[in-house]
Amino acid sequence: MLQAKLRYDDDMLDQPNDMNGETNFILAIDGPAGSGKTTLALKLAEHFGLAFLDTGLLYRATAKKLLDAGATADDEVAAEHAASSIAATDLNPDQLMTEIIGQTASKVAAIPAVRIALLDFQRRFGDGGKGAVLVGRDIGTVVRPDAKHKIFVTASVEQRAKRRCKQLQERGVAAIYANVLEELCQRDARDRSRVVAPLLQAEDALILDTTDQSIETAFENAKTLIAKRQTAA
């Protein structure tokens, strides 16, 4: 599996691409947990030779800072302080992919002050270069509503739970499907019901349902969607 992380290096940015001469190419990818959006987004960033940001790492990094400080997800002041101090060097996925950090990240992401504190970092990412691929839950609606290319990646919650179980087992973590399914349902509810920047499909986003698709099939279908948007422009 591809490892999702912030990428902004010259080797990647010099790769061939088929952006049809577009400049400041911004691709916004949103969707629920386990839909495959992050792996897909990284493959598209590598294909187009663009900078890549998994915005979920910002909230995981905030959660880690919060936990390291001995605070909890309901301490909104501490959470805002943690978010305000986030730097690119904090976005190392190897240190952020534990279950406790993931659960805490989902909770702190619902705090308005945290989202505001992290918004500028996301909006500035990729500016001044060829563009960027950003993946999250509110990229097309809040972070980069100006993006020409938007894809909302989805999948059934049952399929997402199966994928999540497999990911955990590959890391050597015991996972029970029923528990993972319940946690995903709870996370979906938090993401969709939060007051600030809820998980929503942007009106101009194209939908990609990956329920029955491999990552390679989803990748090919995503490129087709982008090409159609370019042709229609």
Protein backbone atom coordinates (compact mmCIF):
# COMPACT_ATOMS: atom_id res chain seq x y z
CA MET A 1 0.00 0.00 0.00
CA LEU A 2 1.24 3.48 -0.75
CA GLN A 3 2.14 5.49 2.30
CA ALA A 4 0.19 8.74 2.48
CA LYS A 5 2.11 11.79 3.58
CA LEU A 6 2.98 15.35 2.73
CA ARG A 7 5.14 15.40 -0.38
CA TYR A 8 6.72 18.45 -1.88
CA ASP A 9 10.04 17.49 -3.45
CA ASP A 10 11.74 18.34 -6.72
CA ASP A 11 12.03 14.74 -7.93
CA MET A 12 8.28 14.23 -7.73
CA LEU A 13 7.41 17.64 -9.18
CA ASP A 14 9.55 16.98 -12.25
CA GLN A 15 7.65 13.86 -13.25
CA PRO A 16 5.78 13.82 -16.59
CA ASN A 17 2.10 14.68 -16.43
CA ASP A 18 -0.93 15.14 -18.65
CA MET A 19 -2.43 18.34 -17.25
CA ASN A 20 -3.00 19.74 -20.75
CA GLY A 21 -1.05 22.89 -20.01
CA GLU A 22 -3.04 23.81 -16.91
CA THR A 23 -1.23 25.99 -14.38
CA ASN A 24 -1.93 26.06 -10.64
CA PHE A 25 -3.62 22.67 -11.03
CA ILE A 26 -5.51 22.07 -7.77
CA LEU A 27 -7.20 18.72 -7.25
CA ALA A 28 -9.50 18.49 -4.23
CA ILE A 29 -10.38 14.99 -3.06
CA ASP A 30 -12.87 14.38 -0.27
CA GLY A 31 -14.69 11.42 1.19
CA PRO A 32 -15.35 9.40 4.33
CA ALA A 33 -12.81 7.29 6.21
CA GLY A 34 -11.88 4.06 4.48
CA SER A 35 -13.11 5.06 1.04
CA GLY A 36 -9.62 4.77 -0.44
CA LYS A 37 -9.35 8.51 -1.09
CA THR A 38 -5.90 9.00 0.40
CA THR A 39 -4.15 6.21 -1.50
CA LEU A 40 -5.92 7.36 -4.66
CA ALA A 41 -4.93 10.99 -4.08
CA LEU A 42 -1.27 10.09 -3.63
CA LYS A 43 -1.26 8.05 -6.84
CA LEU A 44 -2.81 10.98 -8.71
CA ALA A 45 -0.25 13.40 -7.24
CA GLU A 46 2.56 11.16 -8.40
CA HIS A 47 0.96 10.76 -11.83
CA PHE A 48 0.55 14.50 -12.38
CA GLY A 49 3.84 15.41 -10.65
CA LEU A 50 2.14 17.60 -8.05
CA ALA A 51 2.70 18.35 -4.39
CA PHE A 52 0.54 16.22 -2.10
CA LEU A 53 -1.04 16.89 1.27
CA ASP A 54 -3.10 14.47 3.31
CA THR A 55 -4.90 17.06 5.45
CA GLY A 56 -5.99 14.34 7.84
CA LEU A 57 -2.38 14.26 9.07
CA LEU A 58 -2.83 17.82 10.33
CA TYR A 59 -5.56 16.66 12.68
CA ARG A 60 -3.62 13.55 13.65
CA ALA A 61 -0.57 15.72 14.41
CA THR A 62 -2.78 18.00 16.51
CA ALA A 63 -4.14 14.95 18.35
CA LYS A 64 -0.61 13.66 19.02
CA LYS A 65 0.51 17.01 20.42
CA LEU A 66 -2.58 17.06 22.59
CA LEU A 67 -2.03 13.54 23.92
CA ASP A 68 1.71 14.14 24.42
CA ALA A 69 0.80 17.15 26.57
CA GLY A 70 -1.44 14.97 28.73
CA ALA A 71 -4.62 16.69 27.55
CA THR A 72 -7.83 15.17 26.20
CA ALA A 73 -9.96 15.80 23.12
CA ASP A 74 -12.55 17.75 25.11
CA ASP A 75 -9.95 20.37 26.15
CA GLU A 76 -10.69 22.85 23.36
CA VAL A 77 -8.15 25.45 24.52
CA ALA A 78 -5.32 22.89 24.54
CA ALA A 79 -6.49 21.53 21.18
CA GLU A 80 -6.44 24.98 19.57
CA HIS A 81 -2.96 25.63 20.99
CA ALA A 82 -1.73 22.31 19.57
CA ALA A 83 -3.21 23.07 16.15
CA SER A 84 -1.67 26.55 16.08
CA SER A 85 1.82 25.10 16.54
CA ILE A 86 1.65 22.51 13.74
CA ALA A 87 4.51 22.59 11.23
CA ALA A 88 5.30 20.47 8.17
CA THR A 89 7.88 18.55 10.22
CA ASP A 90 5.06 17.24 12.45
CA LEU A 91 3.39 15.41 9.56
CA ASN A 92 5.30 12.12 9.75
CA PRO A 93 2.72 9.35 9.20
CA ASP A 94 4.94 6.76 10.87
CA GLN A 95 4.29 8.53 14.18
CA LEU A 96 0.62 9.34 13.62
CA MET A 97 -1.19 6.16 12.59
CA THR A 98 -2.12 4.64 15.95
CA GLU A 99 -5.76 3.98 16.80
CA ILE A 100 -5.81 6.34 19.80
CA ILE A 101 -4.44 9.18 17.68
CA GLY A 102 -7.00 8.43 14.96
CA GLN A 103 -9.93 8.47 17.38
CA THR A 104 -8.66 11.64 19.07
CA ALA A 105 -8.10 13.30 15.69
CA SER A 106 -11.71 12.65 14.71
CA LYS A 107 -12.85 14.42 17.87
CA VAL A 108 -10.53 17.43 17.70
CA ALA A 109 -11.45 17.88 14.03
CA ALA A 110 -14.95 18.79 15.20
CA ILE A 111 -13.62 21.74 17.24
CA PRO A 112 -14.17 24.96 15.22
CA ALA A 113 -11.08 26.70 16.62
CA VAL A 114 -8.88 23.78 15.56
CA ARG A 115 -10.16 23.83 12.00
CA ILE A 116 -9.67 27.58 11.76
CA ALA A 117 -6.13 27.29 13.11
CA LEU A 118 -5.22 24.76 10.41
CA LEU A 119 -7.05 26.40 7.50
CA ASP A 120 -4.34 28.82 6.37
CA PHE A 121 -1.71 26.05 6.20
CA GLN A 122 -3.97 24.07 3.88
CA ARG A 123 -4.95 26.98 1.66
CA ARG A 124 -1.35 28.04 1.09
CA PHE A 125 -0.12 24.53 0.30
CA GLY A 126 0.98 24.17 -3.30
CA ASP A 127 0.73 27.87 -4.13
CA GLY A 128 3.57 29.16 -6.25
CA GLY A 129 4.19 25.83 -7.93
CA LYS A 130 2.41 23.75 -10.56
CA GLY A 131 -0.36 23.01 -8.10
CA ALA A 132 -1.24 20.34 -5.59
CA VAL A 133 -3.47 17.44 -4.67
CA LEU A 134 -5.16 17.85 -1.30
CA VAL A 135 -7.23 15.13 0.33
CA GLY A 136 -9.57 15.37 3.30
CA ARG A 137 -13.21 15.88 4.15
CA ASP A 138 -13.76 19.57 3.42
CA ILE A 139 -11.24 20.38 0.68
CA GLY A 140 -13.75 21.05 -2.08
CA THR A 141 -16.22 22.89 0.15
CA VAL A 142 -14.06 24.93 2.54
CA VAL A 143 -10.31 24.67 1.99
CA ARG A 144 -10.17 25.05 -1.80
CA PRO A 145 -13.70 25.71 -3.10
CA ASP A 146 -11.96 27.42 -6.03
CA ALA A 147 -10.41 24.13 -7.20
CA LYS A 148 -11.32 23.32 -10.78
CA HIS A 149 -10.99 19.58 -10.19
CA LYS A 150 -12.96 18.00 -7.34
CA ILE A 151 -13.64 14.34 -6.71
CA PHE A 152 -15.77 12.95 -3.90
CA VAL A 153 -14.66 9.38 -3.19
CA THR A 154 -17.13 7.12 -1.44
CA ALA A 155 -17.81 3.44 -0.71
CA SER A 156 -20.28 1.46 1.35
CA VAL A 157 -19.59 1.53 5.07
CA GLU A 158 -19.39 -2.28 5.07
CA GLN A 159 -16.64 -2.26 2.45
CA ARG A 160 -14.83 0.52 4.26
CA ALA A 161 -14.91 -1.47 7.49
CA LYS A 162 -13.45 -4.51 5.69
CA ARG A 163 -10.62 -2.39 4.32
CA ARG A 164 -9.95 -0.86 7.72
CA CYS A 165 -9.79 -4.30 9.35
CA LYS A 166 -7.31 -5.45 6.74
CA GLN A 167 -5.13 -2.36 7.28
CA LEU A 168 -5.06 -2.92 11.03
CA GLN A 169 -4.27 -6.61 10.66
CA GLU A 170 -1.42 -5.81 8.27
CA ARG A 171 0.04 -3.62 11.02
CA GLY A 172 -0.25 -6.48 13.49
CA VAL A 173 -3.22 -4.96 15.30
CA ALA A 174 -6.08 -7.26 16.27
CA ALA A 175 -9.30 -6.02 14.69
CA ILE A 176 -12.90 -7.18 15.05
CA TYR A 177 -15.09 -6.30 12.07
CA ALA A 178 -18.16 -5.42 14.14
CA ASN A 179 -16.17 -3.00 16.29
CA VAL A 180 -14.50 -1.37 13.30
CA LEU A 181 -17.88 -1.00 11.57
CA GLU A 182 -19.37 0.68 14.63
CA GLU A 183 -16.40 3.04 14.95
CA LEU A 184 -16.69 4.03 11.28
CA CYS A 185 -20.40 4.72 11.67
CA GLN A 186 -19.66 6.91 14.69
CA ARG A 187 -16.90 8.74 12.82
CA ASP A 188 -19.16 9.30 9.82
CA ALA A 189 -21.81 10.77 12.12
CA ARG A 190 -19.29 13.14 13.74
CA ASP A 191 -17.85 14.19 10.38
CA ARG A 192 -21.24 14.87 8.81
CA SER A 193 -22.85 16.59 11.80
CA ARG A 194 -20.12 18.93 13.01
CA VAL A 195 -21.02 22.60 12.88
CA VAL A 196 -17.88 23.77 11.08
CA ALA A 197 -16.83 22.22 7.75
CA PRO A 198 -18.89 19.03 7.84
CA LEU A 199 -18.20 16.19 5.42
CA LEU A 200 -20.16 17.15 2.31
CA GLN A 201 -19.89 16.57 -1.40
CA ALA A 202 -19.19 19.88 -3.16
CA GLU A 203 -21.91 20.71 -5.69
CA ASP A 204 -19.38 20.67 -8.53
CA ALA A 205 -17.52 17.55 -7.37
CA LEU A 206 -17.56 14.37 -9.41
CA ILE A 207 -18.48 11.19 -7.53
CA LEU A 208 -16.28 8.10 -7.56
CA ASP A 209 -17.74 5.06 -5.77
CA THR A 210 -14.92 2.62 -4.99
CA THR A 211 -17.04 -0.05 -3.27
CA ASP A 212 -16.29 -2.67 -5.91
CA GLN A 213 -13.12 -1.15 -7.33
CA SER A 214 -9.46 -1.96 -6.79
CA ILE A 215 -7.14 1.00 -6.28
CA GLU A 216 -5.85 0.61 -9.86
CA THR A 217 -9.38 0.69 -11.27
CA ALA A 218 -10.27 3.69 -9.13
CA PHE A 219 -7.09 5.41 -10.30
CA GLU A 220 -7.95 4.90 -13.97
CA ASN A 221 -11.53 6.05 -13.41
CA ALA A 222 -10.33 9.16 -11.55
CA LYS A 223 -8.03 10.09 -14.43
CA THR A 224 -10.98 9.70 -16.81
CA LEU A 225 -13.11 12.02 -14.67
CA ILE A 226 -10.35 14.64 -14.62
CA ALA A 227 -9.85 14.39 -18.40
CA LYS A 228 -13.59 14.89 -18.95
CA ARG A 229 -13.56 17.99 -16.74
CA GLN A 230 -10.61 19.36 -18.73
CA THR A 231 -12.39 18.70 -22.03
CA ALA A 232 -15.56 20.38 -20.79
CA ALA A 233 -13.70 23.51 -19.66
